């Protein structure tokens, strides 16, 4: 089968340009924070759930709500509190005494884009219900399971400094998030702009992207070529967090209780695909993996008590890992011809496990 590489590249450029209006609409409200916006769109392109962590006032909730306003998708916000019940999230059965039958009242989880605000304030039963929705794309009410409408994406926020009334997220649930994005303070000039905008009128965000267009983008992201060397590089980074001594980092052994799970390199490759597409390429490079590695792996590393006592952090460990694991050299001439994978998956091409679709 002959594939016109130039035509595929033109298609990628056209679709990439189509994301420009969405960036523009979000930047009407969000000043700076380009890294956070890129990660949110990467999650949107891959169907991966995103956890945003930062102190109050950094526009975490506002960013997700603004993204939802720019999309022609169903959106719901769930404010997590200690007294929240699973039925408040997924829905419940309601008994009708006249007919003697139960009817289902669906909860706010039945939406395309769900904002789980302050997700670490909910108790374990609520987290368990949310976990099923995130992993299985379905919820169970009574003895019936209900599929969630696609696309389905959870974008959660949490505050790292307030501990009263919070519950640590279970490791199993944290691992379901494709990325954990740390949101930092804006630069001085950006913060001045934020203050100036607060003195003006509220900005209206237009809906510029619908479900059909989003499905196009997701199909395109699923077809971005990932060379075998890039795949192996992603696996090597995850392996170095589990067995650091193999990569000359024996000093990290006492600090790490558990390294990244196999979901780490899987999501790392998917996120690198999305990043490549956002940069207008039909192939992922080791630089894409390096750029996104901290966001994908930081929440999958569990430190020992000794590591915590010594002030170690997942990001510091990943800094050492990224320096120790050599990045492969890719033959650009070869991978630039690889967009044929968009039409027919090549041997060794990665197909996203979370979409159930091939790269065809």
Protein backbone atom coordinates (compact mmCIF):
# COMPACT_ATOMS: atom_id res chain seq x y z
CA UNK A 1 0.00 0.00 0.00
CA UNK A 2 1.51 3.32 -1.11
CA UNK A 3 1.19 6.22 1.29
CA UNK A 4 1.76 9.86 0.39
CA UNK A 5 3.97 11.05 3.23
CA UNK A 6 3.66 14.71 2.17
CA UNK A 7 -0.13 14.43 2.28
CA UNK A 8 -0.02 12.95 5.78
CA UNK A 9 2.31 15.71 6.95
CA UNK A 10 -0.04 18.30 5.46
CA UNK A 11 -2.94 16.68 7.34
CA UNK A 12 -0.98 16.85 10.58
CA UNK A 13 -0.13 20.52 10.04
CA UNK A 14 -3.77 21.34 9.26
CA UNK A 15 -5.10 19.54 12.30
CA UNK A 16 -2.35 21.02 14.50
CA UNK A 17 -3.33 24.48 13.27
CA UNK A 18 -6.91 23.65 14.25
CA UNK A 19 -5.80 23.50 17.89
CA UNK A 20 -4.70 27.13 17.69
CA UNK A 21 -8.21 28.53 18.33
CA UNK A 22 -8.55 26.35 21.44
CA UNK A 23 -5.24 27.67 22.79
CA UNK A 24 -6.43 31.21 21.98
CA UNK A 25 -9.70 30.76 23.85
CA UNK A 26 -7.95 29.34 26.91
CA UNK A 27 -5.36 32.11 26.92
CA UNK A 28 -8.16 34.68 27.07
CA UNK A 29 -8.54 33.55 30.69
CA UNK A 30 -5.32 31.74 31.66
CA UNK A 31 -2.16 33.86 31.71
CA UNK A 32 1.11 31.97 31.26
CA UNK A 33 0.99 28.38 32.51
CA UNK A 34 1.69 27.13 28.98
CA UNK A 35 3.12 23.88 30.33
CA UNK A 36 -0.12 23.16 32.18
CA UNK A 37 -2.18 23.91 29.06
CA UNK A 38 0.01 21.61 26.96
CA UNK A 39 -0.41 18.80 29.47
CA UNK A 40 -4.18 19.26 29.58
CA UNK A 41 -4.37 19.05 25.80
CA UNK A 42 -2.05 16.03 25.78
CA UNK A 43 -4.48 14.29 28.12
CA UNK A 44 -7.35 15.29 25.87
CA UNK A 45 -5.61 13.86 22.78
CA UNK A 46 -4.78 10.55 24.44
CA UNK A 47 -7.79 10.08 26.72
CA UNK A 48 -5.48 10.08 29.75
CA UNK A 49 -6.64 11.39 33.12
CA UNK A 50 -4.74 14.37 34.57
CA UNK A 51 -4.02 15.30 38.19
CA UNK A 52 -3.13 18.96 38.81
CA UNK A 53 -1.37 19.74 42.08
CA UNK A 54 -0.59 23.21 43.37
CA UNK A 55 -1.28 25.67 46.15
CA UNK A 56 -4.59 27.56 46.08
CA UNK A 57 -5.01 30.39 43.60
CA UNK A 58 -2.94 29.05 40.70
CA UNK A 59 -5.92 28.67 38.33
CA UNK A 60 -6.05 24.85 38.40
CA UNK A 61 -9.84 24.71 38.54
CA UNK A 62 -10.15 27.70 36.25
CA UNK A 63 -7.92 26.06 33.62
CA UNK A 64 -10.02 22.88 33.47
CA UNK A 65 -13.28 24.84 33.44
CA UNK A 66 -11.96 27.09 30.67
CA UNK A 67 -10.89 24.06 28.62
CA UNK A 68 -14.40 22.65 29.03
CA UNK A 69 -15.91 25.94 27.88
CA UNK A 70 -13.85 25.75 24.69
CA UNK A 71 -15.17 22.27 23.88
CA UNK A 72 -18.59 21.22 22.62
CA UNK A 73 -18.71 18.37 25.14
CA UNK A 74 -20.70 17.54 28.25
CA UNK A 75 -18.98 18.88 31.36
CA UNK A 76 -19.57 18.39 35.06
CA UNK A 77 -17.79 19.51 38.18
CA UNK A 78 -17.74 17.51 41.40
CA UNK A 79 -16.60 19.32 44.53
CA UNK A 80 -15.09 16.60 46.69
CA UNK A 81 -15.77 16.89 50.42
CA UNK A 82 -15.30 14.51 53.39
CA UNK A 83 -19.06 13.81 53.58
CA UNK A 84 -19.40 12.94 49.88
CA UNK A 85 -21.02 9.56 49.13
CA UNK A 86 -20.46 7.28 46.11
CA UNK A 87 -24.06 7.90 45.05
CA UNK A 88 -23.29 11.63 44.84
CA UNK A 89 -20.73 10.81 42.14
CA UNK A 90 -22.05 7.87 40.14
CA UNK A 91 -25.80 8.08 40.84
CA UNK A 92 -28.28 5.86 42.63
CA UNK A 93 -31.43 3.76 42.35
CA UNK A 94 -34.72 5.48 43.17
CA UNK A 95 -37.75 3.42 44.20
CA UNK A 96 -41.15 4.35 42.76
CA UNK A 97 -43.85 3.18 45.22
CA UNK A 98 -46.57 3.49 42.57
CA UNK A 99 -45.01 1.08 40.12
CA UNK A 100 -42.88 -0.86 42.58
CA UNK A 101 -39.88 -0.42 40.30
CA UNK A 102 -36.47 1.13 40.65
CA UNK A 103 -35.23 3.78 38.24
CA UNK A 104 -31.68 4.99 37.81
CA UNK A 105 -30.70 8.57 38.47
CA UNK A 106 -27.28 9.06 36.91
CA UNK A 107 -24.71 11.14 38.74
CA UNK A 108 -22.32 13.83 37.50
CA UNK A 109 -19.73 11.22 36.47
CA UNK A 110 -21.82 10.72 33.31
CA UNK A 111 -20.13 13.46 31.32
CA UNK A 112 -17.36 13.70 28.74
CA UNK A 113 -15.11 15.91 30.85
CA UNK A 114 -15.30 15.62 34.65
CA UNK A 115 -13.56 18.07 36.97
CA UNK A 116 -12.85 16.33 40.29
CA UNK A 117 -12.07 19.38 42.41
CA UNK A 118 -9.94 18.78 45.54
CA UNK A 119 -10.10 15.06 44.86
CA UNK A 120 -8.07 14.20 47.97
CA UNK A 121 -10.90 15.36 50.25
CA UNK A 122 -13.14 12.37 49.48
CA UNK A 123 -13.19 9.19 51.62
CA UNK A 124 -12.16 5.74 50.40
CA UNK A 125 -15.57 4.57 49.15
CA UNK A 126 -15.87 7.56 46.84
CA UNK A 127 -12.34 7.04 45.58
CA UNK A 128 -13.20 3.41 44.83
CA UNK A 129 -16.23 4.44 42.76
CA UNK A 130 -14.15 6.99 40.88
CA UNK A 131 -11.42 4.39 40.30
CA UNK A 132 -13.81 2.08 38.43
CA UNK A 133 -14.96 4.95 36.23
CA UNK A 134 -11.39 6.00 35.42
CA UNK A 135 -10.05 2.53 34.68
CA UNK A 136 -13.02 0.64 33.23
CA UNK A 137 -14.90 3.58 31.68
CA UNK A 138 -18.01 2.29 33.39
CA UNK A 139 -19.83 2.55 36.74
CA UNK A 140 -21.88 0.05 38.70
CA UNK A 141 -25.20 1.11 40.24
CA UNK A 142 -26.96 -1.68 42.10
CA UNK A 143 -26.35 -4.85 40.12
CA UNK A 144 -26.03 -3.13 36.74
CA UNK A 145 -22.97 -1.67 35.03
CA UNK A 146 -23.31 1.34 32.75
CA UNK A 147 -20.80 2.38 30.11
CA UNK A 148 -19.69 6.00 30.20
CA UNK A 149 -20.07 8.11 27.11
CA UNK A 150 -16.89 8.56 25.10
CA UNK A 151 -14.73 10.55 25.20
CA UNK A 152 -14.47 10.35 28.99
CA UNK A 153 -11.75 12.21 30.85
CA UNK A 154 -11.19 13.02 34.52
CA UNK A 155 -9.17 16.11 35.36
CA UNK A 156 -8.59 16.33 39.09
CA UNK A 157 -7.06 18.96 41.35
CA UNK A 158 -5.53 18.73 44.80
CA UNK A 159 -3.90 21.06 47.29
CA UNK A 160 -0.53 19.81 48.65
CA UNK A 161 -0.26 22.08 51.68
CA UNK A 162 -3.55 21.60 53.52
CA UNK A 163 -3.85 18.31 55.39
CA UNK A 164 -6.94 18.81 57.56
CA UNK A 165 -9.95 17.03 56.12
CA UNK A 166 -7.95 15.30 53.37
CA UNK A 167 -7.37 11.64 52.56
CA UNK A 168 -4.20 10.43 50.82
CA UNK A 169 -5.13 9.08 47.40
CA UNK A 170 -4.70 5.29 47.15
CA UNK A 171 -1.63 4.29 45.15
CA UNK A 172 -3.85 2.26 42.80
CA UNK A 173 -5.86 5.34 41.94
CA UNK A 174 -2.89 7.66 41.60
CA UNK A 175 -1.41 5.19 39.10
CA UNK A 176 -4.52 5.58 36.91
CA UNK A 177 -3.69 9.20 36.22
CA UNK A 178 -1.61 9.53 33.08
CA UNK A 179 0.12 12.62 34.42
CA UNK A 180 0.54 14.50 37.66
CA UNK A 181 1.27 18.10 36.76
CA UNK A 182 2.79 20.42 39.37
CA UNK A 183 1.44 23.94 38.90
CA UNK A 184 3.84 26.69 40.00
CA UNK A 185 3.48 30.42 40.63
CA UNK A 186 3.34 32.69 37.55
CA UNK A 187 6.19 34.99 36.57
CA UNK A 188 6.09 38.61 37.80
CA UNK A 189 4.89 40.08 34.48
CA UNK A 190 2.28 37.34 34.13
CA UNK A 191 0.94 38.00 37.62
CA UNK A 192 0.65 41.71 36.84
CA UNK A 193 -1.43 40.79 33.78
CA UNK A 194 -3.63 38.57 35.97
CA UNK A 195 -4.28 41.48 38.32
CA UNK A 196 -5.04 43.81 35.40
CA UNK A 197 -7.52 41.35 33.91
CA UNK A 198 -9.27 40.98 37.25
CA UNK A 199 -10.19 44.67 37.05
CA UNK A 200 -11.97 44.29 33.73
CA UNK A 201 -15.11 42.52 32.55
CA UNK A 202 -15.50 38.76 32.54
CA UNK A 203 -14.19 37.21 29.33
CA UNK A 204 -16.45 34.99 27.24
CA UNK A 205 -14.90 31.74 26.00
CA UNK A 206 -16.25 30.40 22.69
CA UNK A 207 -16.74 26.71 21.96
CA UNK A 208 -14.35 25.89 19.13
CA UNK A 209 -13.88 22.10 19.21
CA UNK A 210 -16.53 19.40 19.06
CA UNK A 211 -16.62 15.65 19.67
CA UNK A 212 -16.07 14.72 16.01
CA UNK A 213 -13.05 16.97 15.68
CA UNK A 214 -11.65 15.67 18.95
CA UNK A 215 -12.03 12.11 17.70
CA UNK A 216 -10.02 13.10 14.61
CA UNK A 217 -7.25 14.46 16.79
CA UNK A 218 -7.26 11.35 18.97
CA UNK A 219 -7.02 9.09 15.92
CA UNK A 220 -4.14 11.17 14.63
CA UNK A 221 -2.35 11.05 18.01
CA UNK A 222 -2.84 7.28 18.07
CA UNK A 223 -1.04 7.06 14.74
CA UNK A 224 2.04 9.11 15.62
CA UNK A 225 5.02 6.87 14.94
CA UNK A 226 7.05 5.68 17.91
CA UNK A 227 10.37 4.10 16.96
CA UNK A 228 11.45 0.95 18.77
CA UNK A 229 14.42 2.83 20.25
CA UNK A 230 12.09 5.44 21.73
CA UNK A 231 9.92 2.70 23.22
CA UNK A 232 12.98 1.07 24.77
CA UNK A 233 14.12 4.44 26.14
CA UNK A 234 10.77 4.91 27.92
CA UNK A 235 11.03 1.42 29.43
CA UNK A 236 14.64 2.07 30.50
CA UNK A 237 13.61 5.23 32.39
CA UNK A 238 10.91 3.29 34.25
CA UNK A 239 13.31 0.42 34.97
CA UNK A 240 15.88 2.85 36.39
CA UNK A 241 13.34 3.95 39.02
CA UNK A 242 12.88 0.32 40.11
CA UNK A 243 16.46 -0.95 39.86
CA UNK A 244 18.65 2.17 39.95
CA UNK A 245 21.85 0.19 40.56
CA UNK A 246 21.68 -1.15 36.98
CA UNK A 247 22.22 2.41 35.76
CA UNK A 248 24.96 3.43 38.19
CA UNK A 249 22.55 4.95 40.71
CA UNK A 250 23.03 2.53 43.60
CA UNK A 251 22.83 5.45 46.06
CA UNK A 252 19.12 5.81 45.23
CA UNK A 253 18.31 2.24 46.31
CA UNK A 254 17.60 3.03 50.00
CA UNK A 255 15.37 5.96 49.01
CA UNK A 256 12.93 4.22 46.64
CA UNK A 257 10.41 1.69 47.96
CA UNK A 258 8.64 1.18 44.63
CA UNK A 259 9.46 2.48 41.18
CA UNK A 260 7.18 3.21 38.25
CA UNK A 261 4.67 0.52 37.34
CA UNK A 262 4.36 -0.79 33.75
CA UNK A 263 1.69 1.87 33.23
CA UNK A 264 4.57 4.35 33.47
CA UNK A 265 6.30 3.60 30.15
CA UNK A 266 2.95 2.90 28.46
CA UNK A 267 1.64 6.34 29.38
CA UNK A 268 5.03 7.88 28.73
CA UNK A 269 4.91 6.74 25.11
CA UNK A 270 1.30 7.90 24.67
CA UNK A 271 2.07 11.30 26.18
CA UNK A 272 5.17 11.65 23.97
CA UNK A 273 2.95 10.96 20.97
CA UNK A 274 0.59 13.75 21.96
CA UNK A 275 3.48 16.13 22.59
CA UNK A 276 4.92 15.34 19.16
CA UNK A 277 1.58 16.11 17.56
CA UNK A 278 1.31 19.39 19.47
CA UNK A 279 4.74 20.24 18.03
CA UNK A 280 3.53 19.46 14.51
CA UNK A 281 5.34 16.14 14.02
CA UNK A 282 4.11 12.70 12.95
CA UNK A 283 6.81 10.91 14.95
CA UNK A 284 7.93 10.98 18.56
CA UNK A 285 11.53 11.68 19.55
CA UNK A 286 13.53 10.93 22.71
CA UNK A 287 13.29 14.66 23.50
CA UNK A 288 9.50 14.30 23.75
CA UNK A 289 9.94 11.48 26.27
CA UNK A 290 12.43 13.57 28.28
CA UNK A 291 10.13 16.61 28.31
CA UNK A 292 7.11 14.72 29.60
CA UNK A 293 8.88 12.14 31.82
CA UNK A 294 8.55 13.96 35.15
CA UNK A 295 4.81 14.55 34.69
CA UNK A 296 4.19 10.90 33.80
CA UNK A 297 6.48 9.19 36.34
CA UNK A 298 6.64 11.40 39.46
CA UNK A 299 3.43 10.04 41.02
CA UNK A 300 4.44 6.43 40.36
CA UNK A 301 7.53 6.56 42.61
CA UNK A 302 7.02 5.66 46.27
CA UNK A 303 9.75 6.80 48.64
CA UNK A 304 10.96 4.97 51.72
CA UNK A 305 10.94 6.57 55.16
CA UNK A 306 14.67 7.03 54.78
CA UNK A 307 14.16 8.85 51.50
CA UNK A 308 11.56 11.14 53.06
CA UNK A 309 13.85 11.81 56.03
CA UNK A 310 16.71 12.72 53.69
CA UNK A 311 14.52 15.15 51.77
CA UNK A 312 14.42 13.11 48.58
CA UNK A 313 11.61 13.84 46.13
CA UNK A 314 10.41 11.97 43.04
CA UNK A 315 11.48 14.88 40.84
CA UNK A 316 15.04 14.85 42.20
CA UNK A 317 15.23 11.11 41.61
CA UNK A 318 13.94 11.56 38.07
CA UNK A 319 16.53 14.28 37.43
CA UNK A 320 19.25 11.76 38.26
CA UNK A 321 17.57 9.03 36.23
CA UNK A 322 17.28 11.26 33.15
CA UNK A 323 20.99 12.07 33.40
CA UNK A 324 22.02 8.44 33.91
CA UNK A 325 19.94 6.75 31.20
CA UNK A 326 21.40 7.59 27.77
CA UNK A 327 18.91 8.83 25.19
CA UNK A 328 19.08 6.99 21.86
CA UNK A 329 20.19 8.70 18.67
CA UNK A 330 17.40 8.54 16.12
CA UNK A 331 17.92 8.55 12.36
CA UNK A 332 15.62 11.44 11.42
CA UNK A 333 15.78 10.52 7.77
CA UNK A 334 14.23 7.16 8.59
CA UNK A 335 11.56 8.28 11.04
CA UNK A 336 10.44 11.14 8.82
CA UNK A 337 9.33 8.49 6.34
CA UNK A 338 7.50 6.62 9.11
CA UNK A 339 4.13 8.47 8.97
CA UNK A 340 2.97 5.49 6.86
CA UNK A 341 2.08 4.01 10.24
CA UNK A 342 -0.93 6.36 10.22
CA UNK A 343 -2.42 4.28 7.45
CA UNK A 344 -1.10 0.84 8.42
CA UNK A 345 0.46 -0.03 11.81
CA UNK A 346 4.09 -1.02 11.43
CA UNK A 347 5.71 -3.86 13.34
CA UNK A 348 6.41 -2.69 16.87
CA UNK A 349 4.19 0.39 16.56
CA UNK A 350 2.52 1.31 19.83
CA UNK A 351 -1.30 1.24 19.84
CA UNK A 352 -2.97 3.04 22.76
CA UNK A 353 -4.50 0.58 25.19
CA UNK A 354 -7.01 3.14 26.46
CA UNK A 355 -8.82 3.70 23.16
CA UNK A 356 -9.34 0.18 21.96
CA UNK A 357 -8.52 1.31 18.42
CA UNK A 358 -5.59 0.49 16.23
CA UNK A 359 -3.56 3.14 14.49
CA UNK A 360 -5.28 2.37 11.20
